[in-house]
Amino acid sequence: WSKIDQDGGIEDVALLILEWLAEQGVNAMIRVDAE
């Protein structure tokens, strides 16, 4: 948690959010659809 760039946007912490959710027992994903 202390390595987050406080000046960055939400996209900079998206993987940390996913990891935190997994630690809470939540299955989560983010994806992009090129089409």
PDB file of all heavy atoms in Angstrom:
ATOM      1  N   TRP A   1       0.802  -1.215   0.000  1.00  0.00           N
ATOM      2  CA  TRP A   1       0.000   0.000   0.000  1.00  0.00           C
ATOM      3  C   TRP A   1       0.842   1.276   0.000  1.00  0.00           C
ATOM      4  O   TRP A   1       0.455   2.263  -0.585  1.00  0.00           O
ATOM      5  CB  TRP A   1      -0.955   0.006   1.181  1.00  0.00           C
ATOM      6  CG  TRP A   1      -1.656  -1.298   1.401  1.00  0.00           C
ATOM      7  CD1 TRP A   1      -1.825  -1.938   2.592  1.00  0.00           C
ATOM      8  CD2 TRP A   1      -2.283  -2.144   0.432  1.00  0.00           C
ATOM      9  NE1 TRP A   1      -2.508  -3.113   2.422  1.00  0.00           N
ATOM     10  CE2 TRP A   1      -2.799  -3.269   1.098  1.00  0.00           C
ATOM     11  CE3 TRP A   1      -2.436  -2.087  -0.945  1.00  0.00           C
ATOM     12  CZ2 TRP A   1      -3.473  -4.294   0.454  1.00  0.00           C
ATOM     13  CZ3 TRP A   1      -3.108  -3.116  -1.589  1.00  0.00           C
ATOM     14  CH2 TRP A   1      -3.614  -4.194  -0.893  1.00  0.00           C
ATOM     15  N   SER A   2       1.980   1.284   0.632  1.00  0.00           N
ATOM     16  CA  SER A   2       2.765   2.506   0.718  1.00  0.00           C
ATOM     17  C   SER A   2       3.453   2.871  -0.590  1.00  0.00           C
ATOM     18  O   SER A   2       3.991   3.954  -0.714  1.00  0.00           O
ATOM     19  CB  SER A   2       3.812   2.380   1.822  1.00  0.00           C
ATOM     20  OG  SER A   2       4.679   1.311   1.522  1.00  0.00           O
ATOM     21  N   LYS A   3       3.442   2.006  -1.592  1.00  0.00           N
ATOM     22  CA  LYS A   3       4.132   2.262  -2.850  1.00  0.00           C
ATOM     23  C   LYS A   3       3.254   2.971  -3.883  1.00  0.00           C
ATOM     24  O   LYS A   3       3.682   3.206  -4.991  1.00  0.00           O
ATOM     25  CB  LYS A   3       4.640   0.944  -3.433  1.00  0.00           C
ATOM     26  CG  LYS A   3       5.658   0.273  -2.548  1.00  0.00           C
ATOM     27  CD  LYS A   3       6.068  -1.054  -3.102  1.00  0.00           C
ATOM     28  CE  LYS A   3       6.966  -1.764  -2.100  1.00  0.00           C
ATOM     29  NZ  LYS A   3       7.254  -3.124  -2.516  1.00  0.00           N
ATOM     30  N   ILE A   4       2.048   3.329  -3.524  1.00  0.00           N
ATOM     31  CA  ILE A   4       1.132   3.962  -4.465  1.00  0.00           C
ATOM     32  C   ILE A   4       1.578   5.378  -4.762  1.00  0.00           C
ATOM     33  O   ILE A   4       1.934   6.136  -3.867  1.00  0.00           O
ATOM     34  CB  ILE A   4      -0.304   3.984  -3.896  1.00  0.00           C
ATOM     35  CG1 ILE A   4      -0.794   2.558  -3.702  1.00  0.00           C
ATOM     36  CG2 ILE A   4      -1.249   4.762  -4.801  1.00  0.00           C
ATOM     37  CD1 ILE A   4      -2.070   2.475  -2.911  1.00  0.00           C
ATOM     38  N   ASP A   5       1.538   5.756  -6.031  1.00  0.00           N
ATOM     39  CA  ASP A   5       1.814   7.119  -6.446  1.00  0.00           C
ATOM     40  C   ASP A   5       0.562   7.943  -6.188  1.00  0.00           C
ATOM     41  O   ASP A   5      -0.429   7.819  -6.897  1.00  0.00           O
ATOM     42  CB  ASP A   5       2.176   7.146  -7.932  1.00  0.00           C
ATOM     43  CG  ASP A   5       2.400   8.546  -8.460  1.00  0.00           C
ATOM     44  OD1 ASP A   5       2.373   9.503  -7.661  1.00  0.00           O
ATOM     45  OD2 ASP A   5       2.605   8.678  -9.680  1.00  0.00           O
ATOM     46  N   GLN A   6       0.575   8.770  -5.181  1.00  0.00           N
ATOM     47  CA  GLN A   6      -0.607   9.531  -4.790  1.00  0.00           C
ATOM     48  C   GLN A   6      -1.046  10.521  -5.861  1.00  0.00           C
ATOM     49  O   GLN A   6      -2.172  10.988  -5.851  1.00  0.00           O
ATOM     50  CB  GLN A   6      -0.356  10.258  -3.466  1.00  0.00           C
ATOM     51  CG  GLN A   6      -0.098   9.337  -2.306  1.00  0.00           C
ATOM     52  CD  GLN A   6      -1.286   8.445  -1.966  1.00  0.00           C
ATOM     53  OE1 GLN A   6      -2.438   8.822  -2.136  1.00  0.00           O
ATOM     54  NE2 GLN A   6      -1.005   7.255  -1.491  1.00  0.00           N
ATOM     55  N   ASP A   7      -0.161  10.864  -6.802  1.00  0.00           N
ATOM     56  CA  ASP A   7      -0.513  11.796  -7.868  1.00  0.00           C
ATOM     57  C   ASP A   7      -1.054  11.083  -9.098  1.00  0.00           C
ATOM     58  O   ASP A   7      -1.504  11.713 -10.038  1.00  0.00           O
ATOM     59  CB  ASP A   7       0.706  12.635  -8.264  1.00  0.00           C
ATOM     60  CG  ASP A   7       1.185  13.508  -7.120  1.00  0.00           C
ATOM     61  OD1 ASP A   7       0.318  14.006  -6.373  1.00  0.00           O
ATOM     62  OD2 ASP A   7       2.395  13.668  -6.971  1.00  0.00           O
ATOM     63  N   GLY A   8      -0.996   9.752  -9.100  1.00  0.00           N
ATOM     64  CA  GLY A   8      -1.474   8.989 -10.243  1.00  0.00           C
ATOM     65  C   GLY A   8      -2.968   8.804 -10.200  1.00  0.00           C
ATOM     66  O   GLY A   8      -3.643   9.100  -9.221  1.00  0.00           O
ATOM     67  N   GLY A   9      -3.497   8.293 -11.294  1.00  0.00           N
ATOM     68  CA  GLY A   9      -4.923   8.051 -11.385  1.00  0.00           C
ATOM     69  C   GLY A   9      -5.298   6.679 -10.871  1.00  0.00           C
ATOM     70  O   GLY A   9      -4.457   5.880 -10.456  1.00  0.00           O
ATOM     71  N   ILE A  10      -6.601   6.401 -10.930  1.00  0.00           N
ATOM     72  CA  ILE A  10      -7.137   5.131 -10.443  1.00  0.00           C
ATOM     73  C   ILE A  10      -6.520   3.950 -11.179  1.00  0.00           C
ATOM     74  O   ILE A  10      -6.341   2.885 -10.611  1.00  0.00           O
ATOM     75  CB  ILE A  10      -8.681   5.127 -10.530  1.00  0.00           C
ATOM     76  CG1 ILE A  10      -9.260   3.946  -9.780  1.00  0.00           C
ATOM     77  CG2 ILE A  10      -9.150   5.098 -11.970  1.00  0.00           C
ATOM     78  CD1 ILE A  10      -9.229   4.099  -8.316  1.00  0.00           C
ATOM     79  N   GLU A  11      -6.177   4.151 -12.443  1.00  0.00           N
ATOM     80  CA  GLU A  11      -5.594   3.045 -13.205  1.00  0.00           C
ATOM     81  C   GLU A  11      -4.263   2.590 -12.619  1.00  0.00           C
ATOM     82  O   GLU A  11      -3.861   1.441 -12.785  1.00  0.00           O
ATOM     83  CB  GLU A  11      -5.452   3.411 -14.683  1.00  0.00           C
ATOM     84  CG  GLU A  11      -4.404   4.445 -14.995  1.00  0.00           C
ATOM     85  CD  GLU A  11      -4.859   5.893 -14.827  1.00  0.00           C
ATOM     86  OE1 GLU A  11      -5.932   6.150 -14.251  1.00  0.00           O
ATOM     87  OE2 GLU A  11      -4.117   6.774 -15.276  1.00  0.00           O
ATOM     88  N   ASP A  12      -3.590   3.477 -11.897  1.00  0.00           N
ATOM     89  CA  ASP A  12      -2.316   3.124 -11.278  1.00  0.00           C
ATOM     90  C   ASP A  12      -2.481   2.168 -10.101  1.00  0.00           C
ATOM     91  O   ASP A  12      -1.538   1.505  -9.714  1.00  0.00           O
ATOM     92  CB  ASP A  12      -1.576   4.375 -10.802  1.00  0.00           C
ATOM     93  CG  ASP A  12      -1.130   5.257 -11.950  1.00  0.00           C
ATOM     94  OD1 ASP A  12      -0.936   4.728 -13.063  1.00  0.00           O
ATOM     95  OD2 ASP A  12      -0.981   6.470 -11.738  1.00  0.00           O
ATOM     96  N   VAL A  13      -3.663   2.092  -9.523  1.00  0.00           N
ATOM     97  CA  VAL A  13      -3.888   1.233  -8.369  1.00  0.00           C
ATOM     98  C   VAL A  13      -4.855   0.087  -8.670  1.00  0.00           C
ATOM     99  O   VAL A  13      -5.209  -0.664  -7.776  1.00  0.00           O
ATOM    100  CB  VAL A  13      -4.382   2.026  -7.138  1.00  0.00           C
ATOM    101  CG1 VAL A  13      -3.331   3.006  -6.670  1.00  0.00           C
ATOM    102  CG2 VAL A  13      -5.689   2.703  -7.408  1.00  0.00           C
ATOM    103  N   ALA A  14      -5.254  -0.053  -9.925  1.00  0.00           N
ATOM    104  CA  ALA A  14      -6.238  -1.079 -10.287  1.00  0.00           C
ATOM    105  C   ALA A  14      -5.790  -2.476  -9.856  1.00  0.00           C
ATOM    106  O   ALA A  14      -6.589  -3.242  -9.295  1.00  0.00           O
ATOM    107  CB  ALA A  14      -6.531  -1.053 -11.781  1.00  0.00           C
ATOM    108  N   LEU A  15      -4.544  -2.827 -10.068  1.00  0.00           N
ATOM    109  CA  LEU A  15      -4.071  -4.154  -9.670  1.00  0.00           C
ATOM    110  C   LEU A  15      -4.030  -4.314  -8.159  1.00  0.00           C
ATOM    111  O   LEU A  15      -4.333  -5.396  -7.641  1.00  0.00           O
ATOM    112  CB  LEU A  15      -2.702  -4.452 -10.275  1.00  0.00           C
ATOM    113  CG  LEU A  15      -2.693  -4.570 -11.800  1.00  0.00           C
ATOM    114  CD1 LEU A  15      -1.279  -4.788 -12.305  1.00  0.00           C
ATOM    115  CD2 LEU A  15      -3.618  -5.664 -12.276  1.00  0.00           C
ATOM    116  N   LEU A  16      -3.704  -3.249  -7.447  1.00  0.00           N
ATOM    117  CA  LEU A  16      -3.726  -3.314  -5.989  1.00  0.00           C
ATOM    118  C   LEU A  16      -5.149  -3.502  -5.479  1.00  0.00           C
ATOM    119  O   LEU A  16      -5.378  -4.216  -4.501  1.00  0.00           O
ATOM    120  CB  LEU A  16      -3.105  -2.055  -5.381  1.00  0.00           C
ATOM    121  CG  LEU A  16      -1.604  -1.882  -5.606  1.00  0.00           C
ATOM    122  CD1 LEU A  16      -1.157  -0.540  -5.068  1.00  0.00           C
ATOM    123  CD2 LEU A  16      -0.829  -3.013  -4.977  1.00  0.00           C
ATOM    124  N   ILE A  17      -6.107  -2.863  -6.138  1.00  0.00           N
ATOM    125  CA  ILE A  17      -7.514  -3.035  -5.765  1.00  0.00           C
ATOM    126  C   ILE A  17      -7.927  -4.480  -5.980  1.00  0.00           C
ATOM    127  O   ILE A  17      -8.556  -5.092  -5.106  1.00  0.00           O
ATOM    128  CB  ILE A  17      -8.414  -2.068  -6.566  1.00  0.00           C
ATOM    129  CG1 ILE A  17      -8.135  -0.631  -6.134  1.00  0.00           C
ATOM    130  CG2 ILE A  17      -9.891  -2.434  -6.392  1.00  0.00           C
ATOM    131  CD1 ILE A  17      -8.746   0.420  -7.035  1.00  0.00           C
ATOM    132  N   LEU A  18      -7.572  -5.055  -7.132  1.00  0.00           N
ATOM    133  CA  LEU A  18      -7.902  -6.457  -7.407  1.00  0.00           C
ATOM    134  C   LEU A  18      -7.275  -7.379  -6.360  1.00  0.00           C
ATOM    135  O   LEU A  18      -7.922  -8.302  -5.864  1.00  0.00           O
ATOM    136  CB  LEU A  18      -7.440  -6.858  -8.803  1.00  0.00           C
ATOM    137  CG  LEU A  18      -8.192  -6.229  -9.974  1.00  0.00           C
ATOM    138  CD1 LEU A  18      -7.510  -6.603 -11.285  1.00  0.00           C
ATOM    139  CD2 LEU A  18      -9.646  -6.647  -9.984  1.00  0.00           C
ATOM    140  N   GLU A  19      -6.038  -7.120  -6.018  1.00  0.00           N
ATOM    141  CA  GLU A  19      -5.351  -7.933  -5.024  1.00  0.00           C
ATOM    142  C   GLU A  19      -6.022  -7.805  -3.658  1.00  0.00           C
ATOM    143  O   GLU A  19      -6.238  -8.802  -2.962  1.00  0.00           O
ATOM    144  CB  GLU A  19      -3.879  -7.514  -4.944  1.00  0.00           C
ATOM    145  CG  GLU A  19      -3.027  -8.437  -4.122  1.00  0.00           C
ATOM    146  CD  GLU A  19      -1.557  -8.092  -4.246  1.00  0.00           C
ATOM    147  OE1 GLU A  19      -1.204  -6.901  -4.308  1.00  0.00           O
ATOM    148  OE2 GLU A  19      -0.758  -9.041  -4.286  1.00  0.00           O
ATOM    149  N   TRP A  20      -6.388  -6.589  -3.267  1.00  0.00           N
ATOM    150  CA  TRP A  20      -7.068  -6.372  -1.990  1.00  0.00           C
ATOM    151  C   TRP A  20      -8.405  -7.093  -1.974  1.00  0.00           C
ATOM    152  O   TRP A  20      -8.758  -7.736  -0.979  1.00  0.00           O
ATOM    153  CB  TRP A  20      -7.254  -4.872  -1.741  1.00  0.00           C
ATOM    154  CG  TRP A  20      -7.874  -4.584  -0.414  1.00  0.00           C
ATOM    155  CD1 TRP A  20      -7.226  -4.456   0.786  1.00  0.00           C
ATOM    156  CD2 TRP A  20      -9.268  -4.413  -0.136  1.00  0.00           C
ATOM    157  NE1 TRP A  20      -8.137  -4.199   1.785  1.00  0.00           N
ATOM    158  CE2 TRP A  20      -9.396  -4.172   1.249  1.00  0.00           C
ATOM    159  CE3 TRP A  20     -10.416  -4.428  -0.914  1.00  0.00           C
ATOM    160  CZ2 TRP A  20     -10.622  -3.950   1.869  1.00  0.00           C
ATOM    161  CZ3 TRP A  20     -11.640  -4.217  -0.304  1.00  0.00           C
ATOM    162  CH2 TRP A  20     -11.737  -3.984   1.069  1.00  0.00           C
ATOM    163  N   LEU A  21      -9.157  -7.012  -3.063  1.00  0.00           N
ATOM    164  CA  LEU A  21     -10.440  -7.707  -3.136  1.00  0.00           C
ATOM    165  C   LEU A  21     -10.255  -9.217  -2.976  1.00  0.00           C
ATOM    166  O   LEU A  21     -11.025  -9.869  -2.268  1.00  0.00           O
ATOM    167  CB  LEU A  21     -11.155  -7.384  -4.450  1.00  0.00           C
ATOM    168  CG  LEU A  21     -11.717  -5.969  -4.552  1.00  0.00           C
ATOM    169  CD1 LEU A  21     -12.153  -5.669  -5.981  1.00  0.00           C
ATOM    170  CD2 LEU A  21     -12.875  -5.775  -3.578  1.00  0.00           C
ATOM    171  N   ALA A  22      -9.245  -9.776  -3.606  1.00  0.00           N
ATOM    172  CA  ALA A  22      -8.975 -11.216  -3.473  1.00  0.00           C
ATOM    173  C   ALA A  22      -8.696 -11.581  -2.020  1.00  0.00           C
ATOM    174  O   ALA A  22      -9.147 -12.625  -1.538  1.00  0.00           O
ATOM    175  CB  ALA A  22      -7.801 -11.625  -4.362  1.00  0.00           C
ATOM    176  N   GLU A  23      -7.981 -10.713  -1.310  1.00  0.00           N
ATOM    177  CA  GLU A  23      -7.700 -10.964   0.101  1.00  0.00           C
ATOM    178  C   GLU A  23      -8.978 -10.941   0.943  1.00  0.00           C
ATOM    179  O   GLU A  23      -9.015 -11.516   2.024  1.00  0.00           O
ATOM    180  CB  GLU A  23      -6.699  -9.931   0.626  1.00  0.00           C
ATOM    181  CG  GLU A  23      -5.304 -10.114   0.053  1.00  0.00           C
ATOM    182  CD  GLU A  23      -4.354  -8.985   0.397  1.00  0.00           C
ATOM    183  OE1 GLU A  23      -4.789  -7.978   1.013  1.00  0.00           O
ATOM    184  OE2 GLU A  23      -3.177  -9.084   0.024  1.00  0.00           O
ATOM    185  N   GLN A  24     -10.021 -10.285   0.440  1.00  0.00           N
ATOM    186  CA  GLN A  24     -11.314 -10.241   1.137  1.00  0.00           C
ATOM    187  C   GLN A  24     -12.219 -11.391   0.701  1.00  0.00           C
ATOM    188  O   GLN A  24     -13.368 -11.476   1.129  1.00  0.00           O
ATOM    189  CB  GLN A  24     -12.029  -8.910   0.859  1.00  0.00           C
ATOM    190  CG  GLN A  24     -11.205  -7.665   1.071  1.00  0.00           C
ATOM    191  CD  GLN A  24     -10.438  -7.638   2.373  1.00  0.00           C
ATOM    192  OE1 GLN A  24     -11.008  -7.796   3.433  1.00  0.00           O
ATOM    193  NE2 GLN A  24      -9.133  -7.463   2.286  1.00  0.00           N
ATOM    194  N   GLY A  25     -11.730 -12.248  -0.188  1.00  0.00           N
ATOM    195  CA  GLY A  25     -12.524 -13.364  -0.677  1.00  0.00           C
ATOM    196  C   GLY A  25     -13.397 -13.036  -1.873  1.00  0.00           C
ATOM    197  O   GLY A  25     -14.294 -13.800  -2.227  1.00  0.00           O
ATOM    198  N   VAL A  26     -13.144 -11.894  -2.501  1.00  0.00           N
ATOM    199  CA  VAL A  26     -13.927 -11.463  -3.653  1.00  0.00           C
ATOM    200  C   VAL A  26     -13.203 -11.850  -4.941  1.00  0.00           C
ATOM    201  O   VAL A  26     -12.014 -11.579  -5.099  1.00  0.00           O
ATOM    202  CB  VAL A  26     -14.152  -9.923  -3.625  1.00  0.00           C
ATOM    203  CG1 VAL A  26     -14.863  -9.446  -4.874  1.00  0.00           C
ATOM    204  CG2 VAL A  26     -14.915  -9.525  -2.369  1.00  0.00           C
ATOM    205  N   ASN A  27     -13.928 -12.495  -5.841  1.00  0.00           N
ATOM    206  CA  ASN A  27     -13.416 -12.777  -7.181  1.00  0.00           C
ATOM    207  C   ASN A  27     -13.634 -11.530  -8.019  1.00  0.00           C
ATOM    208  O   ASN A  27     -14.746 -10.988  -8.037  1.00  0.00           O
ATOM    209  CB  ASN A  27     -14.184 -13.940  -7.822  1.00  0.00           C
ATOM    210  CG  ASN A  27     -14.100 -15.187  -6.982  1.00  0.00           C
ATOM    211  OD1 ASN A  27     -13.030 -15.618  -6.596  1.00  0.00           O
ATOM    212  ND2 ASN A  27     -15.252 -15.765  -6.671  1.00  0.00           N
ATOM    213  N   ALA A  28     -12.599 -11.042  -8.691  1.00  0.00           N
ATOM    214  CA  ALA A  28     -12.737  -9.807  -9.456  1.00  0.00           C
ATOM    215  C   ALA A  28     -11.836  -9.834 -10.680  1.00  0.00           C
ATOM    216  O   ALA A  28     -10.807 -10.507 -10.694  1.00  0.00           O
ATOM    217  CB  ALA A  28     -12.383  -8.605  -8.580  1.00  0.00           C
ATOM    218  N   MET A  29     -12.273  -9.082 -11.693  1.00  0.00           N
ATOM    219  CA  MET A  29     -11.464  -8.957 -12.907  1.00  0.00           C
ATOM    220  C   MET A  29     -11.766  -7.634 -13.583  1.00  0.00           C
ATOM    221  O   MET A  29     -12.812  -7.028 -13.371  1.00  0.00           O
ATOM    222  CB  MET A  29     -11.758 -10.082 -13.879  1.00  0.00           C
ATOM    223  CG  MET A  29     -13.175 -10.102 -14.407  1.00  0.00           C
ATOM    224  SD  MET A  29     -13.300 -11.187 -15.816  1.00  0.00           S
ATOM    225  CE  MET A  29     -14.234 -10.146 -16.913  1.00  0.00           C
ATOM    226  N   ILE A  30     -10.807  -7.200 -14.384  1.00  0.00           N
ATOM    227  CA  ILE A  30     -11.011  -6.054 -15.261  1.00  0.00           C
ATOM    228  C   ILE A  30     -10.550  -6.496 -16.641  1.00  0.00           C
ATOM    229  O   ILE A  30      -9.564  -7.228 -16.771  1.00  0.00           O
ATOM    230  CB  ILE A  30     -10.264  -4.796 -14.774  1.00  0.00           C
ATOM    231  CG1 ILE A  30     -10.644  -3.607 -15.637  1.00  0.00           C
ATOM    232  CG2 ILE A  30      -8.783  -5.006 -14.705  1.00  0.00           C
ATOM    233  CD1 ILE A  30     -10.241  -2.271 -15.069  1.00  0.00           C
ATOM    234  N   ARG A  31     -11.326  -6.107 -17.656  1.00  0.00           N
ATOM    235  CA  ARG A  31     -10.967  -6.504 -19.014  1.00  0.00           C
ATOM    236  C   ARG A  31     -11.283  -5.377 -19.970  1.00  0.00           C
ATOM    237  O   ARG A  31     -12.054  -4.481 -19.661  1.00  0.00           O
ATOM    238  CB  ARG A  31     -11.705  -7.773 -19.429  1.00  0.00           C
ATOM    239  CG  ARG A  31     -13.194  -7.584 -19.657  1.00  0.00           C
ATOM    240  CD  ARG A  31     -13.906  -8.862 -20.091  1.00  0.00           C
ATOM    241  NE  ARG A  31     -13.476  -9.405 -21.343  1.00  0.00           N
ATOM    242  CZ  ARG A  31     -14.040  -9.143 -22.519  1.00  0.00           C
ATOM    243  NH1 ARG A  31     -15.071  -8.331 -22.584  1.00  0.00           N
ATOM    244  NH2 ARG A  31     -13.583  -9.693 -23.621  1.00  0.00           N
ATOM    245  N   VAL A  32     -10.668  -5.454 -21.142  1.00  0.00           N
ATOM    246  CA  VAL A  32     -10.952  -4.495 -22.203  1.00  0.00           C
ATOM    247  C   VAL A  32     -11.359  -5.280 -23.441  1.00  0.00           C
ATOM    248  O   VAL A  32     -10.786  -6.330 -23.738  1.00  0.00           O
ATOM    249  CB  VAL A  32      -9.741  -3.568 -22.471  1.00  0.00           C
ATOM    250  CG1 VAL A  32      -8.539  -4.333 -22.974  1.00  0.00           C
ATOM    251  CG2 VAL A  32     -10.118  -2.451 -23.419  1.00  0.00           C
ATOM    252  N   ASP A  33     -12.380  -4.785 -24.132  1.00  0.00           N
ATOM    253  CA  ASP A  33     -12.896  -5.412 -25.346  1.00  0.00           C
ATOM    254  C   ASP A  33     -12.506  -4.517 -26.519  1.00  0.00           C
ATOM    255  O   ASP A  33     -13.070  -3.420 -26.686  1.00  0.00           O
ATOM    256  CB  ASP A  33     -14.412  -5.556 -25.232  1.00  0.00           C
ATOM    257  CG  ASP A  33     -15.038  -6.281 -26.410  1.00  0.00           C
ATOM    258  OD1 ASP A  33     -14.638  -6.020 -27.566  1.00  0.00           O
ATOM    259  OD2 ASP A  33     -15.947  -7.089 -26.173  1.00  0.00           O
ATOM    260  N   ALA A  34     -11.560  -4.960 -27.320  1.00  0.00           N
ATOM    261  CA  ALA A  34     -11.030  -4.149 -28.416  1.00  0.00           C
ATOM    262  C   ALA A  34     -12.105  -3.750 -29.422  1.00  0.00           C
ATOM    263  O   ALA A  34     -12.079  -2.634 -29.952  1.00  0.00           O
ATOM    264  CB  ALA A  34      -9.903  -4.895 -29.118  1.00  0.00           C
ATOM    265  N   GLU A  35     -13.050  -4.625 -29.690  1.00  0.00           N
ATOM    266  CA  GLU A  35     -14.116  -4.294 -30.639  1.00  0.00           C
ATOM    267  C   GLU A  35     -14.990  -3.159 -30.113  1.00  0.00           C
ATOM    268  O   GLU A  35     -15.364  -2.257 -30.858  1.00  0.00           O
ATOM    269  CB  GLU A  35     -14.974  -5.522 -30.932  1.00  0.00           C
ATOM    270  CG  GLU A  35     -14.267  -6.572 -31.758  1.00  0.00           C
ATOM    271  CD  GLU A  35     -15.125  -7.795 -32.014  1.00  0.00           C
ATOM    272  OE1 GLU A  35     -16.365  -7.726 -31.865  1.00  0.00           O
ATOM    273  OE2 GLU A  35     -14.547  -8.835 -32.358  1.00  0.00           O
TER     274      GLU A  35
END
